[in-house]
Each structure stands twice: as C-alpha cells, then as structure tokens.
Protein backbone atom coordinates (compact mmCIF):
# COMPACT_ATOMS: atom_id res chain seq x y z
CA MET A 1 3.90 -13.89 -7.67
CA SER A 2 5.14 -12.27 -4.43
CA ILE A 3 3.45 -12.27 -1.07
CA GLU A 4 4.22 -9.72 1.72
CA THR A 5 3.05 -10.98 4.94
CA GLY A 6 2.97 -10.19 8.72
CA ASN A 7 1.26 -11.18 12.00
CA ASN A 8 -2.37 -10.60 12.67
CA SER A 9 -1.64 -8.74 16.11
CA GLY A 10 -4.38 -10.53 17.94
CA ASN A 11 -7.49 -9.20 15.99
CA ASN A 12 -9.52 -12.15 14.75
CA ARG A 13 -11.27 -10.20 11.94
CA VAL A 14 -9.93 -11.05 8.49
CA ILE A 15 -10.71 -8.41 5.89
CA PHE A 16 -9.78 -8.60 2.17
CA HIS A 17 -9.79 -5.74 -0.33
CA ILE A 18 -9.80 -7.00 -3.89
CA ASP A 19 -9.03 -4.65 -6.67
CA VAL A 20 -8.86 -5.52 -10.49
CA ASN A 21 -5.45 -4.40 -12.00
CA SER A 22 -6.06 -1.67 -14.56
CA ALA A 23 -9.80 -2.80 -14.92
CA PHE A 24 -11.01 -1.10 -17.99
CA LEU A 25 -7.76 -1.69 -19.87
CA SER A 26 -7.67 -5.32 -18.66
CA TRP A 27 -11.31 -6.17 -19.53
CA SER A 28 -10.91 -4.59 -23.03
CA ALA A 29 -7.85 -6.69 -23.49
CA VAL A 30 -9.49 -9.89 -22.25
CA LYS A 31 -12.42 -9.27 -24.56
CA ARG A 32 -10.12 -8.97 -27.58
CA LEU A 33 -8.26 -12.16 -26.74
CA ARG A 34 -11.49 -13.93 -26.24
CA GLU A 35 -12.66 -12.92 -29.69
CA ASP A 36 -9.28 -13.59 -31.27
CA PRO A 37 -6.79 -15.56 -29.28
CA ASN A 38 -3.92 -14.30 -31.64
CA ALA A 39 -4.79 -10.63 -30.87
CA LEU A 40 -2.17 -8.36 -29.18
CA ASP A 41 -2.43 -8.43 -25.50
CA LEU A 42 -3.03 -4.74 -24.69
CA ARG A 43 -1.73 -5.31 -21.18
CA THR A 44 1.75 -6.04 -22.47
CA VAL A 45 2.39 -2.97 -24.51
CA PRO A 46 1.72 0.92 -23.87
CA SER A 47 -1.87 1.25 -24.11
CA ALA A 48 -4.74 3.22 -22.73
CA VAL A 49 -8.53 3.63 -22.48
CA GLY A 50 -9.80 7.09 -22.92
CA GLY A 51 -11.23 10.07 -24.77
CA ASP A 52 -12.19 10.11 -28.48
CA VAL A 53 -9.86 7.70 -30.09
CA GLU A 54 -10.27 9.32 -33.51
CA SER A 55 -9.95 12.99 -32.60
CA ARG A 56 -7.57 12.04 -29.71
CA HIS A 57 -9.28 14.45 -27.45
CA GLY A 58 -10.47 13.71 -23.81
CA ILE A 59 -8.64 12.14 -20.94
CA ILE A 60 -7.19 8.73 -20.01
CA THR A 61 -9.39 6.58 -17.80
CA ALA A 62 -7.19 3.51 -17.62
CA ARG A 63 -3.67 2.46 -18.74
CA SER A 64 -1.50 -0.53 -18.98
CA ILE A 65 1.54 -1.03 -16.77
CA PRO A 66 4.03 -0.43 -19.66
CA ALA A 67 2.04 2.89 -20.32
CA LYS A 68 2.49 3.78 -16.62
CA LYS A 69 6.34 3.52 -17.11
CA TYR A 70 6.11 6.35 -19.49
CA GLY A 71 4.51 8.50 -16.77
CA ILE A 72 1.10 8.28 -18.08
CA LYS A 73 -1.63 8.82 -15.45
CA THR A 74 -5.20 8.37 -15.06
CA ALA A 75 -7.02 11.66 -15.98
CA ASP A 76 -4.07 12.78 -18.21
CA PRO A 77 -5.33 14.55 -21.34
CA VAL A 78 -4.93 12.32 -24.27
CA VAL A 79 -2.74 14.95 -26.00
CA LYS A 80 -0.43 15.00 -22.97
CA ALA A 81 -0.28 11.16 -22.89
CA LEU A 82 0.56 11.00 -26.53
CA GLN A 83 3.47 13.43 -26.07
CA LYS A 84 4.79 11.10 -23.30
CA CYS A 85 4.46 8.09 -25.52
CA PRO A 86 3.80 8.77 -29.12
CA ASN A 87 3.32 5.02 -29.83
CA LEU A 88 0.51 4.84 -27.18
CA ILE A 89 -2.39 2.44 -28.41
CA LEU A 90 -5.61 4.21 -27.68
CA ILE A 91 -8.87 2.24 -27.40
CA PRO A 92 -12.44 3.33 -26.61
CA SER A 93 -14.45 2.70 -23.64
CA ASP A 94 -16.66 -0.36 -23.62
CA PHE A 95 -19.07 -0.13 -20.57
CA LYS A 96 -21.09 -3.21 -21.72
CA THR A 97 -18.06 -5.29 -21.33
CA TYR A 98 -16.92 -3.68 -18.07
CA ARG A 99 -20.34 -4.40 -16.49
CA GLU A 100 -20.13 -8.01 -17.71
CA TYR A 101 -16.74 -8.75 -16.29
CA SER A 102 -17.71 -6.77 -13.04
CA ARG A 103 -20.66 -9.12 -12.46
CA ALA A 104 -18.45 -12.08 -13.02
CA PHE A 105 -15.78 -10.67 -10.71
CA ILE A 106 -18.34 -10.09 -7.88
CA ALA A 107 -20.02 -13.55 -8.45
CA ILE A 108 -16.79 -15.32 -7.60
CA LEU A 109 -16.20 -13.19 -4.50
CA GLU A 110 -19.65 -14.10 -3.26
CA LYS A 111 -18.62 -17.74 -3.28
CA TYR A 112 -16.13 -17.03 -0.45
CA GLY A 113 -16.86 -13.98 1.73
CA THR A 114 -19.38 -14.07 4.50
CA GLU A 115 -20.13 -10.43 3.51
CA VAL A 116 -19.14 -8.90 0.04
CA GLU A 117 -19.30 -5.10 -0.07
CA GLN A 118 -18.85 -3.78 -3.74
CA VAL A 119 -17.46 -0.30 -3.46
CA SER A 120 -16.99 0.40 -7.25
CA ILE A 121 -17.23 -1.46 -10.55
CA ASP A 122 -13.76 -3.10 -10.06
CA GLU A 123 -13.23 -3.41 -6.25
CA ALA A 124 -14.76 -4.92 -3.24
CA PHE A 125 -14.40 -5.74 0.39
CA LEU A 126 -14.72 -9.25 1.86
CA ASP A 127 -15.27 -10.22 5.27
CA MET A 128 -13.40 -13.64 5.38
CA THR A 129 -13.69 -14.09 9.17
CA GLY A 130 -14.50 -17.73 10.13
CA THR A 131 -14.13 -19.17 6.62
CA GLU A 132 -11.03 -21.36 7.17
CA TYR A 133 -13.25 -24.46 6.64
CA LEU A 134 -13.46 -23.35 2.90
CA PHE A 135 -9.76 -23.74 2.55
CA ALA A 136 -9.19 -27.05 4.56
CA ASP A 137 -7.20 -28.74 1.76
CA GLU A 138 -4.88 -25.78 1.42
CA ILE A 139 -4.28 -25.43 5.05
CA LYS A 140 -3.69 -29.26 5.28
CA ASN A 141 -0.97 -28.87 2.72
CA GLY A 142 0.88 -26.34 4.88
CA ASP A 143 -0.49 -23.05 3.59
CA LYS A 144 -1.60 -20.55 6.23
CA PHE A 145 -5.10 -18.96 6.36
CA PRO A 146 -5.69 -16.24 5.16
CA ILE A 147 -2.85 -16.27 2.59
CA CYS A 148 -4.17 -19.49 1.09
CA ALA A 149 -7.63 -17.94 0.75
CA ALA A 150 -6.26 -14.94 -0.98
CA ARG A 151 -4.31 -17.02 -3.36
CA LYS A 152 -7.22 -19.27 -4.24
CA ILE A 153 -9.58 -16.37 -4.90
CA LYS A 154 -6.94 -14.42 -6.98
CA ASP A 155 -5.94 -17.38 -9.03
CA GLU A 156 -9.54 -18.41 -9.70
CA ILE A 157 -10.35 -14.95 -11.09
CA ARG A 158 -7.21 -14.99 -13.21
CA ASP A 159 -7.80 -18.54 -14.54
CA THR A 160 -11.57 -18.36 -15.24
CA LEU A 161 -12.04 -14.78 -16.16
CA GLY A 162 -8.55 -13.88 -17.63
CA PHE A 163 -7.61 -10.91 -15.70
CA THR A 164 -5.55 -10.25 -12.52
CA VAL A 165 -6.38 -8.69 -9.20
CA ASN A 166 -4.54 -7.54 -6.13
CA VAL A 167 -5.54 -8.62 -2.67
CA GLY A 168 -5.02 -6.69 0.51
CA ILE A 169 -5.38 -8.45 3.84
CA SER A 170 -5.81 -6.96 7.31
CA THR A 171 -8.09 -6.69 10.24
CA ASN A 172 -10.04 -3.70 8.99
CA LYS A 173 -11.09 -2.08 5.65
CA LEU A 174 -8.84 0.78 5.79
CA LEU A 175 -5.55 -1.23 6.11
CA ALA A 176 -6.85 -3.80 3.72
CA LYS A 177 -7.43 -1.13 1.07
CA MET A 178 -4.09 0.29 1.56
CA ALA A 179 -2.42 -3.05 1.30
CA SER A 180 -4.18 -3.76 -2.11
CA ASP A 181 -2.54 -0.65 -3.48
CA PHE A 182 0.97 -1.85 -2.70
CA GLN A 183 3.10 -3.24 -5.66
CA LYS A 184 0.92 -4.48 -8.63
CA PRO A 185 -0.19 -6.54 -10.63
CA ASP A 186 -1.28 -10.04 -9.33
CA LYS A 187 0.01 -9.69 -5.73
CA ILE A 188 -1.13 -10.46 -2.33
CA HIS A 189 -0.05 -8.05 0.54
CA THR A 190 -0.83 -7.90 4.26
CA LEU A 191 -0.88 -4.77 6.44
CA TYR A 192 -1.57 -5.60 10.06
CA LEU A 193 -1.29 -3.02 12.89
CA ASN A 194 2.17 -4.23 13.75
CA GLU A 195 3.41 -3.69 10.11
CA ILE A 196 2.09 -0.11 9.88
CA LYS A 197 5.31 1.57 10.94
CA ASP A 198 7.40 -0.19 8.32
CA LYS A 199 4.99 -0.47 5.46
CA MET A 200 2.60 2.40 5.69
CA TRP A 201 4.26 5.30 7.59
CA PRO A 202 7.07 5.94 5.10
CA LEU A 203 4.52 6.53 2.26
CA PRO A 204 3.68 10.11 1.07
CA ILE A 205 0.67 11.65 3.00
CA GLY A 206 -1.27 11.85 -0.41
CA ASP A 207 -1.16 8.01 -0.47
CA LEU A 208 -3.32 7.74 2.67
CA PHE A 209 -6.74 6.38 1.80
CA GLY A 210 -9.33 9.16 2.06
CA CYS A 211 -6.74 11.96 2.06
CA GLY A 212 -7.52 14.10 -1.02
CA LYS A 213 -5.12 16.21 -3.02
CA ARG A 214 -6.13 19.44 -1.28
CA THR A 215 -6.00 17.99 2.14
CA ALA A 216 -2.55 16.49 1.34
CA ASN A 217 -1.39 19.95 0.10
CA LYS A 218 -2.68 21.58 3.31
CA LEU A 219 -0.89 18.98 5.41
CA MET A 220 2.47 19.44 3.46
CA GLN A 221 2.19 23.15 4.26
CA LEU A 222 2.12 22.18 7.88
CA GLY A 223 5.29 20.10 7.51
CA ILE A 224 3.59 16.77 7.23
CA ARG A 225 5.12 14.86 4.34
CA THR A 226 4.47 11.22 5.21
CA ILE A 227 1.62 9.12 6.68
CA GLY A 228 4.01 8.63 9.65
CA ASP A 229 4.17 12.43 10.18
CA ALA A 230 0.51 12.71 10.39
CA ALA A 231 0.32 9.62 12.74
CA VAL A 232 2.49 11.28 15.41
CA MET A 233 1.00 14.77 14.99
CA ASP A 234 -1.18 15.97 17.92
CA ILE A 235 -4.62 15.22 17.04
CA ALA A 236 -5.71 18.62 18.38
CA VAL A 237 -3.37 20.43 15.95
CA LEU A 238 -4.89 18.39 12.98
CA LYS A 239 -8.43 19.17 14.18
CA GLY A 240 -7.60 22.88 14.45
CA TYR A 241 -6.00 22.92 11.03
CA LEU A 242 -8.38 20.69 9.03
CA GLY A 243 -11.56 20.95 10.96
CA GLU A 244 -13.02 18.54 13.64
CA ASN A 245 -14.01 15.66 11.39
CA SER A 246 -11.24 15.80 8.84
CA GLY A 247 -8.53 16.16 11.49
CA ALA A 248 -9.91 13.17 13.36
CA TYR A 249 -10.13 11.02 10.25
CA ILE A 250 -6.30 11.73 9.26
CA HIS A 251 -5.18 11.08 12.71
CA ASN A 252 -7.11 7.71 12.89
CA ALA A 253 -6.36 6.59 9.34
CA ALA A 254 -2.70 7.34 9.71
CA ASN A 255 -2.68 5.15 12.79
CA GLY A 256 -4.56 2.35 11.11
CA ILE A 257 -7.82 2.95 13.11
CA SER A 258 -11.02 2.14 11.42
CA TYR A 259 -14.36 0.65 12.73
CA SER A 260 -16.28 0.45 9.44
CA GLU A 261 -17.92 -2.94 9.01
CA VAL A 262 -17.95 -4.78 5.68
CA SER A 263 -21.64 -4.82 4.64
CA SER A 264 -23.40 -5.97 1.55
CA VAL A 265 -25.30 -3.34 -0.24
CA ARG A 266 -28.93 -3.63 1.34
CA GLU A 267 -31.95 -1.70 0.38
CA LYS A 268 -33.52 0.54 3.12
CA ALA A 269 -37.24 -0.08 3.64
CA LYS A 270 -38.26 2.92 1.79
CA SER A 271 -35.53 3.44 -0.77
CA TYR A 272 -32.99 1.84 -3.18
CA SER A 273 -29.62 3.42 -3.64
CA ASN A 274 -25.99 2.79 -4.60
CA GLU A 275 -22.70 4.87 -4.11
CA THR A 276 -19.23 4.54 -5.42
CA THR A 277 -15.96 6.01 -4.47
CA THR A 278 -14.13 7.44 -7.62
CA SER A 279 -10.75 6.27 -8.46
CA VAL A 280 -9.77 9.93 -9.14
CA ASP A 281 -11.53 13.17 -8.28
CA ILE A 282 -14.13 14.17 -10.68
CA THR A 283 -13.61 17.73 -11.61
CA ALA A 284 -14.72 20.50 -13.92
CA SER A 285 -12.01 19.50 -16.36
CA ASN A 286 -12.90 15.78 -16.61
CA TYR A 287 -16.57 15.29 -15.54
CA GLU A 288 -17.78 14.99 -19.13
CA GLN A 289 -15.64 11.94 -19.55
CA LEU A 290 -15.75 10.42 -16.14
CA LEU A 291 -19.22 11.26 -14.76
CA PRO A 292 -21.64 9.76 -17.28
CA PRO A 293 -20.40 6.01 -17.18
CA GLU A 294 -20.54 6.22 -13.42
CA ILE A 295 -24.15 7.59 -13.55
CA ASP A 296 -24.91 4.78 -16.09
CA TRP A 297 -23.67 2.10 -13.75
CA LEU A 298 -25.30 3.46 -10.57
CA SER A 299 -28.69 3.93 -12.29
CA GLU A 300 -28.62 0.49 -13.82
CA SER A 301 -27.73 -1.11 -10.44
CA VAL A 302 -30.68 0.69 -8.70
CA SER A 303 -32.96 -0.09 -11.58
CA ARG A 304 -31.82 -3.82 -11.58
CA ARG A 305 -32.80 -4.23 -7.85
CA MET A 306 -36.07 -2.30 -8.02
CA THR A 307 -37.17 -4.44 -10.98
CA ARG A 308 -36.26 -7.61 -9.22
CA ASP A 309 -38.41 -6.58 -6.28
CA HIS A 310 -41.28 -5.33 -8.47
CA VAL A 311 -41.26 -1.77 -7.17
CA ARG A 312 -41.26 1.72 -8.53
CA ALA A 313 -40.33 5.08 -7.15
CA ASN A 314 -41.40 8.59 -7.62
CA THR A 315 -38.40 10.36 -6.27
CA VAL A 316 -34.75 10.34 -7.59
CA THR A 317 -31.94 11.53 -5.41
CA ILE A 318 -28.16 12.06 -6.13
CA ILE A 319 -25.55 12.25 -3.45
CA VAL A 320 -21.83 13.54 -3.79
CA LYS A 321 -19.01 13.80 -1.44
CA THR A 322 -16.54 16.49 -2.32
CA ASN A 323 -12.84 16.48 -1.70
CA ASP A 324 -13.25 18.65 1.38
CA PHE A 325 -15.27 15.66 2.98
CA LYS A 326 -18.68 17.32 2.66
CA ARG A 327 -21.71 15.63 1.40
CA HIS A 328 -24.22 17.29 -0.94
CA THR A 329 -27.56 16.03 -2.24
CA ARG A 330 -30.38 16.97 -4.76
CA GLN A 331 -33.59 15.34 -5.46
CA THR A 332 -36.73 15.64 -7.47
CA LYS A 333 -40.15 14.24 -7.20
CA LEU A 334 -41.69 12.90 -10.45
CA PRO A 335 -45.34 13.02 -11.31
CA TYR A 336 -45.28 9.21 -11.94
CA SER A 337 -43.36 6.04 -10.66
CA ILE A 338 -40.47 4.63 -12.47
CA ASN A 339 -37.91 1.75 -12.18
CA ASP A 340 -36.21 1.89 -15.57
CA ALA A 341 -32.60 2.63 -15.90
CA ASP A 342 -33.00 5.20 -18.74
CA THR A 343 -35.32 7.39 -16.96
CA ILE A 344 -33.29 7.23 -13.66
CA LYS A 345 -30.22 8.14 -15.74
CA THR A 346 -31.92 11.03 -17.30
CA VAL A 347 -33.25 12.47 -14.09
CA ALA A 348 -30.03 11.83 -12.22
CA SER A 349 -28.02 13.45 -14.93
CA ALA A 350 -30.12 16.61 -14.80
CA LEU A 351 -29.72 16.78 -11.01
CA PHE A 352 -25.87 16.37 -11.27
CA THR A 353 -25.76 19.21 -13.90
CA GLU A 354 -27.82 21.44 -11.54
CA LEU A 355 -25.59 20.65 -8.58
CA LEU A 356 -22.18 20.73 -10.21
CA THR A 357 -22.24 23.41 -12.99
CA GLY A 358 -23.21 27.11 -13.44
CA THR A 359 -22.02 29.97 -11.26
CA SER A 360 -23.61 28.40 -8.10
CA GLY A 361 -22.28 24.90 -8.83
CA LEU A 362 -19.63 22.77 -6.92
CA PHE A 363 -17.23 22.95 -9.74
CA TYR A 364 -17.38 26.76 -9.87
CA GLN A 365 -16.19 26.68 -6.22
CA GLY A 366 -13.17 24.71 -7.24
CA LEU A 367 -14.41 21.50 -5.57
CA GLY A 368 -13.95 17.87 -6.79
CA LEU A 369 -15.93 14.70 -6.34
CA ARG A 370 -14.60 11.69 -4.44
CA LEU A 371 -17.83 9.84 -4.01
CA ILE A 372 -21.08 9.88 -6.04
CA GLY A 373 -24.44 8.19 -5.52
CA VAL A 374 -27.89 7.70 -7.07
CA GLY A 375 -31.06 6.72 -5.23
CA CYS A 376 -34.77 6.23 -5.64
CA SER A 377 -37.43 6.63 -2.86
CA GLY A 378 -41.24 7.07 -2.60
CA LEU A 379 -41.84 3.41 -3.54
CA ASP A 380 -45.04 1.72 -4.57
CA ASP A 381 -45.81 -1.65 -6.10
CA GLU A 382 -45.08 -2.02 -9.74
CA ASP A 383 -48.62 -2.53 -10.71
CA SER A 384 -50.15 0.18 -8.48
CA ARG A 385 -49.09 3.06 -10.71
CA GLN A 386 -49.10 2.88 -14.56
CA LEU A 387 -46.81 5.25 -16.31
CA ASP A 388 -48.83 8.17 -17.76
CA LEU A 389 -47.76 9.35 -21.23
CA PHE A 390 -48.62 13.03 -20.44
CA ASP A 391 -46.83 12.91 -17.06
CA TRP A 392 -43.80 11.59 -18.94
CA MET A 393 -44.02 14.37 -21.55
CA SER A 394 -44.37 16.95 -18.99
CA ALA A 395 -41.29 15.66 -16.90
CA LYS A 396 -39.30 15.31 -20.08
CA LYS A 397 -40.22 18.90 -21.21
CA GLN A 398 -38.98 20.12 -17.73
CA ILE A 399 -35.67 18.13 -18.13
CA ASP A 400 -35.10 19.48 -21.63
CA GLN A 401 -35.78 23.05 -20.33
CA ASN A 402 -33.27 22.62 -17.55
CA LYS A 403 -30.74 21.42 -20.14
CA GLU A 404 -31.49 24.37 -22.39
CA ASN A 405 -31.30 26.89 -19.49
CA GLU A 406 -27.78 25.37 -18.55
CA ALA A 407 -26.55 25.59 -22.06
CA LYS A 408 -27.59 29.33 -22.21
CA GLU A 409 -25.93 30.01 -18.90
CA LYS A 410 -22.75 28.25 -20.04
CA ALA A 411 -22.80 30.22 -23.34
CA ARG A 412 -23.40 33.55 -21.43
CA ILE A 413 -20.46 32.85 -19.06
CA GLU A 414 -18.08 31.84 -21.95
CA ALA A 415 -19.16 35.04 -23.75
CA SER A 416 -18.52 37.25 -20.81
CA GLN A 417 -15.11 35.61 -20.20
CA GLU A 418 -14.22 36.01 -23.91
CA LYS A 419 -15.31 39.68 -23.74
CA GLN A 420 -13.18 40.25 -20.60
CA LYS A 421 -10.32 38.70 -22.23
CA LYS A 422 -10.46 40.78 -25.41
CA LEU A 423 -10.74 43.95 -23.19
CA GLU A 424 -7.73 42.96 -21.27
CA GLU A 425 -5.78 42.37 -24.43
CA MET A 426 -6.87 45.71 -25.71
CA LEU A 427 -5.77 47.68 -22.54
CA SER A 428 -2.39 45.75 -22.55
CA LYS A 429 -1.80 46.92 -26.16
CA LEU A 430 -2.72 50.54 -25.28
CA LYS A 431 -0.51 50.56 -22.19
CA SER A 432 2.35 49.01 -24.16
CA LYS A 433 2.11 51.69 -26.91
CA TYR A 434 1.19 54.79 -24.92
CA GLY A 435 2.19 54.02 -21.20
CA ASP A 436 0.28 53.00 -18.18
CA ASP A 437 -1.22 56.42 -17.63
CA ILE A 438 -3.19 56.12 -20.88
CA ILE A 439 -6.10 54.64 -18.98
CA LYS A 440 -7.60 56.84 -16.15
CA LYS A 441 -10.65 56.34 -14.04
CA GLY A 442 -13.52 58.68 -14.82
CA ASP A 443 -14.88 61.23 -12.23
CA SER A 444 -18.47 60.85 -11.18
CA GLU A 445 -20.53 64.05 -11.31
C-alpha cells in the first residue's frame, strides 16, 4: 500500500471521499469467492461486467485492472472490448448483490463519519472533522490523523467485506474526490491546497471533476490542455466562452475552491428524493444498459425511506443534469398514493423515456446525462389513502399507451431514416452511372 500525503494548509476541515475499486466487478468477484473459495478471482484476470454475456452485445459497465491494461474502457461496446482482449471473461450484472454490498459498505462508513453523504452506489463523502478521538490508539502509536483514520476504514472494508477502496483526503469535497481518483487500487491519497500545483494542475483538463467531455473539448479549442491552464486563465474569458455558471465552476474547481458541505441525504418536509452522479455520461448509445439499474436503485432507495416513515406520495418526479450543466425535470401526478418501488420504477421509467427520447428528447439534441434523480411528493399517511384497483388500471393503461406511442414514434423515425438512406444510395448509383447532371430540380408552374 502506498500513501501520498501533504500538509493541511491551515484548514481544519477533514473530508474523505471513499470509492470502491471497480465496484461491480469486485462485488461479483467477492460473491463468487464467498460461494466457492477455490473460484477464480475475477479481479486478477482480464474480466468485465456488461451487456448480454451470451450474445456478447451491449456495453462494458465495469472492468478489472488487468482488463484496463488492454485499453478496455467503461462504456466500450462488448464487441470492441473482445477485439482488444479476445480472452476477456464476461459476466452478467447482478444488482441484488451490488445493493447488498453497497449497504454494507455504507454501514461501515457510518461508524466513523460525523456526516456520510452517499453520492452513488459505490462512493461516499465523509466529514471526519473532530473524529480524532476514535483513533486515539493509532495516534498514540505514532500514526498521524487523518492518515490513520483512512487506513483503518479502508482496511476494515477490505478485511470484513472482501473488496478494496480508495480514500481521498482533503479539506473540501472537490479535492477529496480528485484525490481518490489518483492511482488505484487500495490506496490513500491527499490533495490539500498546497499540493494542487504539483498533483492536480499537470492533469488533463478532462480529469477535472465536473468537467464533461464536451466542455473539455471546448476548452482544448481555446488552448487549455491541463487543469493548470484553466486555473490561470482569466475567469472573464472562461465565463465568456462557457457561460457564466460553467466558466465560474471551471475556474474555481481548477483552483481547488469548493464550498459544498458533506450532508447526509435528508428528506424534505414534503418530499423524498435521491440523486446520483453517473460514472460515465449516459447517452443515446448506452442508456438502455446504464439507465435502468440506476432507476431501480434510486426508486428502491426512495421507496425504502417512505415505507420506513409510513407515508405515500401521489406525485413522481425525475431530475437530470445534462453534460452542459443544465437541469431538467418531469413529473406526473397519479390518481392514487404509492410507496412501493415497482410502481415508482414504472412511472419514473416512463418519465425518463418522455424526457430523453423522440425528436424532442434530450438525446436527440446530442446531450448526455451526468446526474439523474427520482423523487416523490404530495405525501399522505400510509393508511389515509388505500390503493384503488381502478385507479391503478387507469394509470397503467396510460403508461402502456405512452410506451406504445414511443415505440411507434421510434419505428417511424427508423423507417424514415431507412427510406432516406435508400434514396441517397439510389441517387449515388445514378450519378455514378450517368453523371451528376442526371438529377435536376423540377420547375414550379
């Protein structure tokens, strides 16, 4: 294990970002070893989670470190990944196992942090400020806080749950997140303000947390290649080029400035919701593989909390943040109150389909998603509104109709595109055989 450390430059906040290494692949590997101690450890060979294992279609959602050495990336088509590594071992997704290990992972973190903010199924921020007393024995033996705290948490997760994590340490969430993304696996890294110039500024601009691919490409067109280039660029230039909000964010982030507090997910008085930042942008090419499991997890999280508090809701809302940093929402009010995960999933999925697909959808505009969320509002007590069978049938009929309309629209677009393609092929053949002048515009009478 290696630890990169620096000095905490006078800021007394201690923030950890803890990220599971190759989460889906690791969790599947641990499950196999738990069931059969003699099984092959998938983490030690080129392996990946993704797509339809039998047909070898779909995309890669997680890969082992040996697979990474072959150039296999998350969101690669399975076919492309197999071309890079013909001996790649493919395994199917197992979201029941992922949720089980995620809950166990967060339970350990909650033993230590004064606040634990889970940001996705496999990562969380911890506010460790003022927790030195929990590590008195380690400090007494010569270890320095917070390194000893990070080591103890990291090793407990590895020794009790069987998988490894990276821990990033800093005085704010942004820098802690950047630190945890340094060399992996099973590592501890610090990134304090006085370390930014050496550790963060040399990195490519696309590695800056919150800088999407499109923004990075725009910045590179401006001559900004590294995070350091953005840090020293006049903020007025960045705002003029990227817009007021995006320009300010890139300038502040590149200089390690962040004011966001670590906060446990809390229900608002009139709603329940959960959001997650996606590990890769969800786009038109990968949403069928990446979006459903995220909707499942978010819906189940919201349902679990509503069930715990004995409340139901009659309004379902979805939230997305696109890779141009804009938020979009859709919601629908149901004729009855709900709190079960299956219904929330069904309604949320229909709303996502409406927002993202079709000729007016965000995907048609070439946008990708970097954050998604699901929420429920319009609450009442669990016993105050009984589910009406006829209401359910009516709502389900509307959802089915929406799906049918979407399928028809998709088929119409595909037919139109195919027709245009055949027309262009025919025109190309005619021009090739008879010359470009064979096709002339007709005169209007």
